Amino acid sequence: MTDGWAQRKSATKRTSSAISMKSASEGAISVSFVSAPDGAALTGGTSGQRSLNLGTVSLGSGAQTANVQMQKLPGRFLVSTRFGISIQAGPQTSTTAAVLAALTIPDPAYTFRLDGITLQTVPQLLQGQARTGTTVMHRLEIEVPTSLTEKNSQLNNAIIFQVIPN
C-alpha cells in the first residue's frame, strides 16, 4: 500500500479524483532478500530491491563469479545460484504466507526458473505456506541457448515477488 492524495471536501471544482490510502502497520509483514552462503552475493540495500549479479558466463569457460554454477546441456546451458527470502510478521499476522514470483520482461531466448518453477509474467506460486520468522533458500536457474553470441547475450531482468499472509 502507499499514500495517495485526494482533494478536500470543500473544493468546488473537481479536476480529478483519487483514493486516499494509508500504509498499515498492524498485521503487516516485511520481506528481505539475503545472500545464501552458497550463492552469489546480493547487492543493494538490506531489503526491498536488491540485485543478484551472476557475472560473465560462457559455454567454453563456465561461470566467472563465485557461487554461480554452470551446467552444459544439449543446445543450451544452465546458470544457477541460490539466495534467501526472509519473511517477518507483525504481532497480529498469520504465521505463514504465500510466496509468488513473476518475471517482468519475458525474453523467449531465456527460461527463468525458481525452485524448478518456470517464471512467466503472470505470478507463479512458489510456496503456499512459507513460515514467517525464517529465511528460506531458493534456487534461481536461467537456461541460455548456445546459439546466442556474446554480442546478443546481455541479460538484465527483474523478478517481482508477492508475499501474502494466509
N, C-alpha and C. Protein backbone atom coordinates (compact mmCIF):
# COMPACT_ATOMS: atom_id res chain seq x y z
N MET A 1 0.83 -1.16 0.00
CA MET A 1 0.00 0.00 0.00
C MET A 1 0.88 1.23 0.00
N THR A 2 0.31 2.33 -0.40
CA THR A 2 1.05 3.58 -0.45
C THR A 2 0.13 4.73 -0.09
N ASP A 3 0.70 5.88 0.18
CA ASP A 3 -0.12 7.06 0.44
C ASP A 3 -0.60 7.62 -0.88
N GLY A 4 -1.86 8.00 -0.93
CA GLY A 4 -2.42 8.63 -2.12
C GLY A 4 -2.84 10.05 -1.79
N TRP A 5 -3.44 10.75 -2.73
CA TRP A 5 -3.91 12.09 -2.45
C TRP A 5 -5.34 12.23 -2.93
N ALA A 6 -6.03 13.20 -2.36
CA ALA A 6 -7.40 13.50 -2.75
C ALA A 6 -7.67 14.96 -2.44
N GLN A 7 -8.63 15.57 -3.14
CA GLN A 7 -8.99 16.94 -2.85
C GLN A 7 -9.85 16.99 -1.60
N ARG A 8 -9.78 18.13 -0.89
CA ARG A 8 -10.62 18.30 0.30
C ARG A 8 -12.08 18.37 -0.11
N LYS A 9 -13.00 18.04 0.81
CA LYS A 9 -14.43 18.09 0.55
C LYS A 9 -14.89 19.50 0.17
N SER A 10 -14.23 20.52 0.68
CA SER A 10 -14.67 21.88 0.44
C SER A 10 -14.32 22.39 -0.95
N ALA A 11 -13.56 21.70 -1.72
CA ALA A 11 -13.20 22.14 -3.07
C ALA A 11 -14.44 22.16 -3.94
N THR A 12 -14.63 23.24 -4.69
CA THR A 12 -15.83 23.35 -5.52
C THR A 12 -15.61 22.77 -6.91
N LYS A 13 -14.41 22.87 -7.44
CA LYS A 13 -14.12 22.29 -8.75
C LYS A 13 -13.37 20.98 -8.54
N ARG A 14 -13.73 19.98 -9.28
CA ARG A 14 -13.03 18.70 -9.18
C ARG A 14 -12.42 18.39 -10.54
N THR A 15 -11.10 18.37 -10.57
CA THR A 15 -10.42 18.10 -11.82
C THR A 15 -10.02 16.64 -11.93
N SER A 16 -9.85 15.99 -10.81
CA SER A 16 -9.52 14.57 -10.83
C SER A 16 -9.94 13.97 -9.50
N SER A 17 -10.00 12.67 -9.46
CA SER A 17 -10.32 12.02 -8.20
C SER A 17 -9.29 10.94 -7.93
N ALA A 18 -9.05 10.70 -6.68
CA ALA A 18 -8.10 9.66 -6.28
C ALA A 18 -8.58 9.10 -4.96
N ILE A 19 -8.05 7.97 -4.61
CA ILE A 19 -8.40 7.31 -3.35
C ILE A 19 -7.26 7.51 -2.38
N SER A 20 -7.59 7.89 -1.17
CA SER A 20 -6.58 8.04 -0.13
C SER A 20 -6.30 6.68 0.48
N MET A 21 -5.04 6.29 0.50
CA MET A 21 -4.65 5.01 1.07
C MET A 21 -3.56 5.25 2.08
N LYS A 22 -3.56 4.50 3.13
CA LYS A 22 -2.55 4.60 4.18
C LYS A 22 -1.82 3.27 4.32
N SER A 23 -0.58 3.35 4.66
CA SER A 23 0.18 2.14 4.95
C SER A 23 -0.31 1.55 6.26
N ALA A 24 -0.39 0.24 6.32
CA ALA A 24 -0.85 -0.43 7.54
C ALA A 24 0.35 -0.99 8.27
N SER A 25 0.40 -0.72 9.58
CA SER A 25 1.48 -1.29 10.36
C SER A 25 1.00 -2.46 11.20
N GLU A 26 -0.28 -2.53 11.48
CA GLU A 26 -0.84 -3.65 12.23
C GLU A 26 -1.00 -4.84 11.31
N GLY A 27 -0.49 -5.95 11.72
CA GLY A 27 -0.64 -7.15 10.92
C GLY A 27 0.22 -7.15 9.67
N ALA A 28 1.17 -6.24 9.57
CA ALA A 28 1.99 -6.14 8.36
C ALA A 28 3.08 -7.21 8.36
N ILE A 29 3.57 -7.49 7.18
CA ILE A 29 4.71 -8.38 7.04
C ILE A 29 5.81 -7.62 6.32
N SER A 30 7.04 -8.05 6.52
CA SER A 30 8.16 -7.47 5.80
C SER A 30 8.94 -8.60 5.14
N VAL A 31 9.53 -8.28 4.01
CA VAL A 31 10.28 -9.26 3.24
C VAL A 31 11.68 -8.72 3.01
N SER A 32 12.68 -9.56 3.24
CA SER A 32 14.07 -9.20 2.99
C SER A 32 14.70 -10.28 2.12
N PHE A 33 15.55 -9.84 1.20
CA PHE A 33 16.31 -10.76 0.37
C PHE A 33 17.71 -10.84 0.94
N VAL A 34 18.21 -12.06 1.14
CA VAL A 34 19.52 -12.25 1.75
C VAL A 34 20.38 -13.16 0.89
N SER A 35 21.67 -12.94 0.97
CA SER A 35 22.61 -13.80 0.24
C SER A 35 22.66 -15.16 0.90
N ALA A 36 22.72 -16.19 0.09
CA ALA A 36 22.88 -17.55 0.60
C ALA A 36 24.37 -17.82 0.77
N PRO A 37 24.76 -18.62 1.76
CA PRO A 37 26.18 -18.94 1.94
C PRO A 37 26.80 -19.57 0.69
N ASP A 38 25.99 -20.32 -0.07
CA ASP A 38 26.49 -20.98 -1.27
C ASP A 38 25.92 -20.33 -2.54
N GLY A 39 25.57 -19.05 -2.45
CA GLY A 39 25.00 -18.34 -3.59
C GLY A 39 25.77 -17.08 -3.92
N ALA A 40 25.47 -16.49 -5.09
CA ALA A 40 26.09 -15.23 -5.48
C ALA A 40 25.64 -14.14 -4.50
N ALA A 41 26.50 -13.17 -4.28
CA ALA A 41 26.20 -12.10 -3.33
C ALA A 41 25.14 -11.16 -3.87
N LEU A 42 24.17 -10.82 -3.03
CA LEU A 42 23.16 -9.82 -3.36
C LEU A 42 23.76 -8.44 -3.09
N THR A 43 23.45 -7.48 -3.93
CA THR A 43 23.93 -6.12 -3.73
C THR A 43 22.75 -5.18 -3.59
N GLY A 44 22.99 -4.00 -3.09
CA GLY A 44 21.91 -3.03 -2.89
C GLY A 44 21.60 -2.93 -1.41
N GLY A 45 20.43 -2.37 -1.09
CA GLY A 45 20.01 -2.17 0.30
C GLY A 45 19.84 -3.48 1.04
N THR A 46 19.48 -3.38 2.30
CA THR A 46 19.32 -4.58 3.12
C THR A 46 17.97 -5.25 2.89
N SER A 47 17.03 -4.57 2.30
CA SER A 47 15.73 -5.18 1.99
C SER A 47 15.18 -4.50 0.74
N GLY A 48 13.96 -4.84 0.38
CA GLY A 48 13.36 -4.22 -0.80
C GLY A 48 14.04 -4.68 -2.06
N GLN A 49 14.44 -3.73 -2.89
CA GLN A 49 15.04 -4.07 -4.18
C GLN A 49 16.52 -4.37 -4.02
N ARG A 50 16.92 -5.55 -4.45
CA ARG A 50 18.32 -5.95 -4.40
C ARG A 50 18.68 -6.55 -5.74
N SER A 51 19.97 -6.62 -6.03
CA SER A 51 20.45 -7.15 -7.30
C SER A 51 21.27 -8.41 -7.08
N LEU A 52 21.15 -9.31 -8.02
CA LEU A 52 21.90 -10.56 -8.00
C LEU A 52 22.69 -10.60 -9.30
N ASN A 53 23.98 -10.32 -9.22
CA ASN A 53 24.83 -10.27 -10.40
C ASN A 53 25.50 -11.62 -10.59
N LEU A 54 25.14 -12.31 -11.66
CA LEU A 54 25.72 -13.63 -11.93
C LEU A 54 27.02 -13.53 -12.71
N GLY A 55 27.42 -12.33 -13.09
CA GLY A 55 28.69 -12.12 -13.78
C GLY A 55 28.68 -12.66 -15.19
N THR A 56 29.86 -12.88 -15.71
CA THR A 56 30.04 -13.40 -17.07
C THR A 56 30.04 -14.93 -17.02
N VAL A 57 29.24 -15.51 -17.90
CA VAL A 57 29.17 -16.96 -18.01
C VAL A 57 29.25 -17.31 -19.49
N SER A 58 30.08 -18.27 -19.84
CA SER A 58 30.16 -18.71 -21.23
C SER A 58 30.22 -20.23 -21.29
N LEU A 59 29.82 -20.75 -22.42
CA LEU A 59 29.82 -22.20 -22.61
C LEU A 59 31.23 -22.76 -22.49
N GLY A 60 32.20 -22.04 -23.02
CA GLY A 60 33.58 -22.52 -23.02
C GLY A 60 34.29 -22.41 -21.69
N SER A 61 34.11 -21.27 -21.00
CA SER A 61 34.88 -21.07 -19.77
C SER A 61 34.05 -21.15 -18.50
N GLY A 62 32.76 -21.37 -18.60
CA GLY A 62 31.92 -21.53 -17.42
C GLY A 62 31.61 -20.21 -16.74
N ALA A 63 31.29 -20.28 -15.45
CA ALA A 63 30.94 -19.10 -14.66
C ALA A 63 32.20 -18.48 -14.07
N GLN A 64 32.28 -17.15 -14.07
CA GLN A 64 33.44 -16.44 -13.56
C GLN A 64 33.20 -15.86 -12.16
N THR A 65 31.96 -15.98 -11.64
CA THR A 65 31.60 -15.41 -10.34
C THR A 65 31.48 -16.53 -9.31
N ALA A 66 31.96 -16.25 -8.11
CA ALA A 66 31.90 -17.24 -7.03
C ALA A 66 30.45 -17.64 -6.75
N ASN A 67 30.23 -18.91 -6.49
CA ASN A 67 28.93 -19.48 -6.13
C ASN A 67 27.88 -19.37 -7.23
N VAL A 68 28.32 -19.26 -8.47
CA VAL A 68 27.44 -19.34 -9.64
C VAL A 68 27.85 -20.61 -10.37
N GLN A 69 26.87 -21.48 -10.59
CA GLN A 69 27.16 -22.76 -11.25
C GLN A 69 26.70 -22.71 -12.70
N MET A 70 27.37 -23.50 -13.53
CA MET A 70 27.01 -23.63 -14.94
C MET A 70 27.01 -25.11 -15.30
N GLN A 71 25.93 -25.54 -15.94
CA GLN A 71 25.80 -26.94 -16.35
C GLN A 71 25.54 -26.96 -17.85
N LYS A 72 26.35 -27.74 -18.59
CA LYS A 72 26.19 -27.87 -20.04
C LYS A 72 25.12 -28.90 -20.36
N LEU A 73 24.21 -28.54 -21.26
CA LEU A 73 23.15 -29.43 -21.73
C LEU A 73 23.14 -29.36 -23.25
N PRO A 74 22.54 -30.34 -23.93
CA PRO A 74 22.49 -30.28 -25.39
C PRO A 74 21.75 -29.02 -25.90
N GLY A 75 22.46 -28.17 -26.64
CA GLY A 75 21.87 -26.99 -27.24
C GLY A 75 21.66 -25.81 -26.30
N ARG A 76 22.05 -25.95 -25.04
CA ARG A 76 21.84 -24.88 -24.07
C ARG A 76 22.74 -25.13 -22.85
N PHE A 77 22.82 -24.13 -21.99
CA PHE A 77 23.47 -24.34 -20.70
C PHE A 77 22.65 -23.65 -19.62
N LEU A 78 22.82 -24.12 -18.41
CA LEU A 78 22.03 -23.68 -17.27
C LEU A 78 22.94 -22.95 -16.29
N VAL A 79 22.56 -21.72 -15.95
CA VAL A 79 23.29 -20.91 -14.99
C VAL A 79 22.43 -20.84 -13.73
N SER A 80 23.01 -21.09 -12.57
CA SER A 80 22.20 -21.11 -11.35
C SER A 80 22.97 -20.59 -10.15
N THR A 81 22.19 -20.13 -9.18
CA THR A 81 22.72 -19.72 -7.88
C THR A 81 21.59 -19.76 -6.87
N ARG A 82 21.92 -19.55 -5.61
CA ARG A 82 20.91 -19.58 -4.55
C ARG A 82 20.87 -18.23 -3.84
N PHE A 83 19.71 -17.92 -3.26
CA PHE A 83 19.51 -16.72 -2.45
C PHE A 83 18.40 -17.03 -1.45
N GLY A 84 18.24 -16.17 -0.46
CA GLY A 84 17.23 -16.40 0.57
C GLY A 84 16.19 -15.30 0.62
N ILE A 85 15.00 -15.68 1.08
CA ILE A 85 13.93 -14.73 1.35
C ILE A 85 13.54 -14.91 2.80
N SER A 86 13.59 -13.80 3.54
CA SER A 86 13.20 -13.79 4.94
C SER A 86 11.88 -13.05 5.06
N ILE A 87 10.88 -13.70 5.65
CA ILE A 87 9.56 -13.10 5.84
C ILE A 87 9.35 -12.92 7.34
N GLN A 88 9.15 -11.67 7.75
CA GLN A 88 8.92 -11.35 9.15
C GLN A 88 7.49 -10.86 9.30
N ALA A 89 6.78 -11.34 10.31
CA ALA A 89 5.38 -10.99 10.52
C ALA A 89 5.23 -10.05 11.70
N GLY A 90 4.22 -9.19 11.61
CA GLY A 90 3.85 -8.33 12.73
C GLY A 90 3.15 -9.16 13.79
N PRO A 91 2.86 -8.59 14.93
CA PRO A 91 2.28 -9.36 16.04
C PRO A 91 0.89 -9.93 15.76
N GLN A 92 0.13 -9.33 14.85
CA GLN A 92 -1.23 -9.82 14.60
C GLN A 92 -1.37 -10.40 13.19
N THR A 93 -0.30 -10.95 12.68
CA THR A 93 -0.31 -11.52 11.34
C THR A 93 -0.18 -13.04 11.43
N SER A 94 -0.68 -13.69 10.43
CA SER A 94 -0.58 -15.15 10.34
C SER A 94 0.87 -15.59 10.40
N THR A 95 1.10 -16.83 10.77
CA THR A 95 2.46 -17.36 10.86
C THR A 95 2.94 -17.95 9.54
N THR A 96 2.10 -17.94 8.52
CA THR A 96 2.52 -18.41 7.20
C THR A 96 2.09 -17.39 6.14
N ALA A 97 2.73 -17.51 4.98
CA ALA A 97 2.42 -16.61 3.87
C ALA A 97 2.62 -17.36 2.56
N ALA A 98 1.88 -16.96 1.56
CA ALA A 98 2.07 -17.49 0.21
C ALA A 98 3.11 -16.63 -0.49
N VAL A 99 4.03 -17.26 -1.21
CA VAL A 99 5.08 -16.54 -1.94
C VAL A 99 4.88 -16.82 -3.43
N LEU A 100 4.71 -15.75 -4.19
CA LEU A 100 4.53 -15.84 -5.64
C LEU A 100 5.63 -15.03 -6.32
N ALA A 101 5.98 -15.39 -7.54
CA ALA A 101 7.00 -14.67 -8.29
C ALA A 101 6.60 -14.57 -9.75
N ALA A 102 6.98 -13.46 -10.37
CA ALA A 102 6.70 -13.23 -11.79
C ALA A 102 7.91 -12.57 -12.44
N LEU A 103 8.08 -12.82 -13.71
CA LEU A 103 9.15 -12.22 -14.50
C LEU A 103 8.65 -10.91 -15.09
N THR A 104 9.43 -9.85 -15.01
CA THR A 104 8.94 -8.56 -15.51
C THR A 104 9.02 -8.45 -17.03
N ILE A 105 10.10 -8.91 -17.62
CA ILE A 105 10.30 -8.76 -19.07
C ILE A 105 10.55 -10.13 -19.68
N PRO A 106 9.53 -10.69 -20.33
CA PRO A 106 9.75 -12.01 -20.94
C PRO A 106 10.71 -11.90 -22.13
N ASP A 107 11.61 -12.84 -22.22
CA ASP A 107 12.55 -12.92 -23.34
C ASP A 107 12.53 -14.38 -23.80
N PRO A 108 12.02 -14.63 -25.01
CA PRO A 108 11.87 -16.01 -25.46
C PRO A 108 13.19 -16.78 -25.55
N ALA A 109 14.31 -16.09 -25.57
CA ALA A 109 15.59 -16.78 -25.67
C ALA A 109 15.98 -17.46 -24.36
N TYR A 110 15.52 -16.92 -23.24
CA TYR A 110 15.91 -17.43 -21.93
C TYR A 110 14.71 -18.03 -21.21
N THR A 111 14.99 -19.02 -20.35
CA THR A 111 13.97 -19.57 -19.47
C THR A 111 14.44 -19.35 -18.04
N PHE A 112 13.62 -18.68 -17.25
CA PHE A 112 13.92 -18.44 -15.83
C PHE A 112 13.10 -19.41 -14.99
N ARG A 113 13.76 -20.02 -14.01
CA ARG A 113 13.07 -20.90 -13.08
C ARG A 113 13.50 -20.57 -11.65
N LEU A 114 12.55 -20.64 -10.75
CA LEU A 114 12.81 -20.53 -9.32
C LEU A 114 12.33 -21.82 -8.69
N ASP A 115 13.24 -22.53 -8.05
CA ASP A 115 12.92 -23.81 -7.42
C ASP A 115 12.24 -24.76 -8.39
N GLY A 116 12.67 -24.72 -9.65
CA GLY A 116 12.13 -25.62 -10.67
C GLY A 116 10.85 -25.13 -11.33
N ILE A 117 10.30 -24.01 -10.88
CA ILE A 117 9.05 -23.48 -11.44
C ILE A 117 9.39 -22.42 -12.48
N THR A 118 8.92 -22.61 -13.70
CA THR A 118 9.19 -21.68 -14.78
C THR A 118 8.43 -20.37 -14.54
N LEU A 119 9.17 -19.26 -14.57
CA LEU A 119 8.57 -17.96 -14.33
C LEU A 119 7.96 -17.39 -15.62
N GLN A 120 6.86 -16.70 -15.46
CA GLN A 120 6.16 -16.03 -16.54
C GLN A 120 5.83 -14.63 -16.07
N THR A 121 5.13 -13.86 -16.90
CA THR A 121 4.70 -12.52 -16.47
C THR A 121 3.52 -12.61 -15.51
N VAL A 122 2.84 -13.73 -15.47
CA VAL A 122 1.76 -13.98 -14.51
C VAL A 122 2.40 -14.60 -13.26
N PRO A 123 2.10 -14.11 -12.06
CA PRO A 123 2.72 -14.67 -10.85
C PRO A 123 2.49 -16.19 -10.71
N GLN A 124 3.56 -16.89 -10.36
CA GLN A 124 3.53 -18.33 -10.14
C GLN A 124 3.72 -18.60 -8.65
N LEU A 125 3.00 -19.56 -8.11
CA LEU A 125 3.10 -19.91 -6.70
C LEU A 125 4.40 -20.67 -6.44
N LEU A 126 5.26 -20.12 -5.58
CA LEU A 126 6.49 -20.80 -5.18
C LEU A 126 6.27 -21.60 -3.90
N GLN A 127 5.59 -20.98 -2.94
CA GLN A 127 5.31 -21.63 -1.66
C GLN A 127 3.92 -21.22 -1.21
N GLY A 128 3.11 -22.16 -0.85
CA GLY A 128 1.77 -21.86 -0.38
C GLY A 128 1.73 -21.55 1.11
N GLN A 129 2.66 -22.11 1.87
CA GLN A 129 2.65 -21.96 3.33
C GLN A 129 4.07 -21.68 3.84
N ALA A 130 4.69 -20.60 3.38
CA ALA A 130 6.04 -20.24 3.85
C ALA A 130 5.94 -19.76 5.29
N ARG A 131 6.78 -20.28 6.16
CA ARG A 131 6.77 -19.90 7.57
C ARG A 131 7.38 -18.51 7.75
N THR A 132 6.71 -17.67 8.52
CA THR A 132 7.27 -16.36 8.83
C THR A 132 8.31 -16.52 9.94
N GLY A 133 9.25 -15.58 10.01
CA GLY A 133 10.28 -15.64 11.03
C GLY A 133 11.47 -16.50 10.65
N THR A 134 11.47 -17.05 9.45
CA THR A 134 12.58 -17.88 9.00
C THR A 134 13.06 -17.38 7.64
N THR A 135 14.25 -17.79 7.27
CA THR A 135 14.79 -17.49 5.95
C THR A 135 14.75 -18.78 5.14
N VAL A 136 14.12 -18.72 3.97
CA VAL A 136 14.01 -19.88 3.09
C VAL A 136 14.92 -19.66 1.88
N MET A 137 15.74 -20.65 1.59
CA MET A 137 16.65 -20.56 0.45
C MET A 137 15.92 -20.98 -0.83
N HIS A 138 16.22 -20.26 -1.91
CA HIS A 138 15.63 -20.55 -3.22
C HIS A 138 16.74 -20.67 -4.25
N ARG A 139 16.46 -21.41 -5.30
CA ARG A 139 17.44 -21.62 -6.38
C ARG A 139 16.92 -20.95 -7.65
N LEU A 140 17.70 -20.02 -8.19
CA LEU A 140 17.40 -19.36 -9.45
C LEU A 140 18.19 -20.06 -10.55
N GLU A 141 17.49 -20.44 -11.62
CA GLU A 141 18.12 -21.07 -12.78
C GLU A 141 17.74 -20.27 -14.03
N ILE A 142 18.72 -20.01 -14.87
CA ILE A 142 18.48 -19.35 -16.14
C ILE A 142 19.03 -20.25 -17.23
N GLU A 143 18.14 -20.66 -18.12
CA GLU A 143 18.53 -21.52 -19.24
C GLU A 143 18.88 -20.63 -20.43
N VAL A 144 20.09 -20.82 -20.97
CA VAL A 144 20.61 -19.99 -22.05
C VAL A 144 20.88 -20.87 -23.26
N PRO A 145 20.31 -20.53 -24.44
CA PRO A 145 20.60 -21.32 -25.63
C PRO A 145 22.04 -21.08 -26.10
N THR A 146 22.70 -22.12 -26.59
CA THR A 146 24.09 -21.97 -27.06
C THR A 146 24.16 -21.21 -28.38
N SER A 147 23.03 -20.96 -29.02
CA SER A 147 23.03 -20.21 -30.29
C SER A 147 23.26 -18.72 -30.09
N LEU A 148 23.16 -18.22 -28.85
CA LEU A 148 23.41 -16.80 -28.59
C LEU A 148 24.90 -16.51 -28.68
N THR A 149 25.23 -15.35 -29.23
CA THR A 149 26.62 -14.93 -29.29
C THR A 149 26.87 -13.91 -28.19
N GLU A 150 28.12 -13.57 -27.98
CA GLU A 150 28.47 -12.59 -26.95
C GLU A 150 27.78 -11.25 -27.23
N LYS A 151 27.63 -10.92 -28.50
CA LYS A 151 27.04 -9.64 -28.90
C LYS A 151 25.56 -9.53 -28.51
N ASN A 152 24.81 -10.62 -28.58
CA ASN A 152 23.37 -10.54 -28.30
C ASN A 152 22.95 -11.30 -27.05
N SER A 153 23.88 -11.43 -26.10
CA SER A 153 23.56 -12.26 -24.93
C SER A 153 23.53 -11.50 -23.61
N GLN A 154 23.57 -10.17 -23.64
CA GLN A 154 23.47 -9.42 -22.39
C GLN A 154 22.08 -9.63 -21.79
N LEU A 155 22.01 -9.86 -20.50
CA LEU A 155 20.74 -10.16 -19.86
C LEU A 155 20.57 -9.31 -18.61
N ASN A 156 19.51 -8.52 -18.59
CA ASN A 156 19.10 -7.77 -17.40
C ASN A 156 17.61 -7.98 -17.28
N ASN A 157 17.18 -8.41 -16.13
CA ASN A 157 15.76 -8.66 -15.93
C ASN A 157 15.44 -8.48 -14.45
N ALA A 158 14.18 -8.55 -14.13
CA ALA A 158 13.76 -8.42 -12.74
C ALA A 158 12.67 -9.43 -12.44
N ILE A 159 12.65 -9.88 -11.22
CA ILE A 159 11.62 -10.79 -10.74
C ILE A 159 10.84 -10.06 -9.65
N ILE A 160 9.53 -10.07 -9.79
CA ILE A 160 8.66 -9.45 -8.81
C ILE A 160 8.14 -10.54 -7.88
N PHE A 161 8.31 -10.32 -6.58
CA PHE A 161 7.81 -11.27 -5.58
C PHE A 161 6.57 -10.67 -4.91
N GLN A 162 5.59 -11.51 -4.68
CA GLN A 162 4.42 -11.14 -3.90
C GLN A 162 4.37 -12.06 -2.70
N VAL A 163 4.22 -11.50 -1.51
CA VAL A 163 4.14 -12.29 -0.29
C VAL A 163 2.81 -11.91 0.37
N ILE A 164 1.93 -12.89 0.51
CA ILE A 164 0.57 -12.66 1.00
C ILE A 164 0.36 -13.50 2.27
N PRO A 165 0.08 -12.84 3.41
CA PRO A 165 -0.17 -13.61 4.63
C PRO A 165 -1.39 -14.50 4.45
N ASN A 166 -1.36 -15.71 5.01
CA ASN A 166 -2.55 -16.59 4.93
C ASN A 166 -2.84 -17.23 6.27
